[in-house]
Each structure stands twice: as structure tokens, then as C-alpha cells.
Amino acid sequence: QSGLFEQNELEKPGFPWGCLSRTLPQALGRCSLVATFALCPAACLLCHRADVSVDVCGPKHQQQGICVHECCLYSASGLEQRGTEEQGICGFLPADIKQKAKSAAHKRCFACGERGACISCQAKGCSRSFHLPCASEHGCVTQFFRKFK
């Protein structure tokens, strides 16, 4: 039974795949690990959240194995739009998005303490970093002025 879970295991408290619920059809009987992940909504590569308000992070885009929120792309510090709107995701090239996620992996979010914060505070002398939803939830102001930084 390696890699397979009985239906009753899915219903146990603390089962690690929180996106599954007791509403799975009983006909499944068993759920493979691959199917389990397929049922989970994809998390954004930049903010690491799957379910967040579109009002905060914008629509989610999935392309070329990358899942990102549109506003996370535009808010990520130092991530440049090097393509046209038709290239990559909203003009952001997949290699650049992956590189930004990799470089942010060591930065901790000032709000939640988790790694992967890709938005850096632009105030002089401030070294704080945030995930976009965390910044919004903790009252940070995110805005664009003239040239994108």
C-alpha cells in the first residue's frame, strides 16, 4: 500500500493534506499521493499561498509549471518585466520568476516569520521583507510611484 491512503485515513484529524475534505466521493476508496496533490489548489511561487483574496493578490496565473498571483509579480522587488505581455506571465519570464523566488528563499517575512518574502521595504535604512498577503494583513502600504523599483 505504499503511496496509497485509505479513505478513513483522509478523515483523521491532522491528516497532512488539509485541502482534502470529507466530501471526497466514497467511490474513490483510495487516493494516491499524486491525486492528492492534484486536488490541492496550487500555491503562488512568490507568496506561498493558494487561497488569498483576488482583491489583495490579483488573479492567479499558471503557466509552464509556475503558479503566481499577478500582484505578487508586480510587487516583487527587483523582478523586471523583460518580455512582452504575450511572453511568460504578464511579461515576466519564467526563469526570472524562479530566480526571484530562489533569491527570496533566505529572506524572512517581517509579519509571519516564514521564508520566501519577496517584497523589500523601500524606506531608507529599512531591511524588512514581506509576502504580499502578509503586508496587506498587517497594514503595510504597497504602492507604485513613477518608475518601478
Foldseek 3Di string as FASTA:
>chain_A
DPQKDALVLVDDPPNPLVLDYNPPDVVVRIAGPVNSVVSDADAALQQRHRDDDCVQQNDWDDDPNHIHGPNQQLQFPPQDQCADCPEPDRSGHPVSSVVLQVVQQQAAAPQPRHTRFRHADPPPPGGHGHRRVSCVVVVHDDDDDDDRD
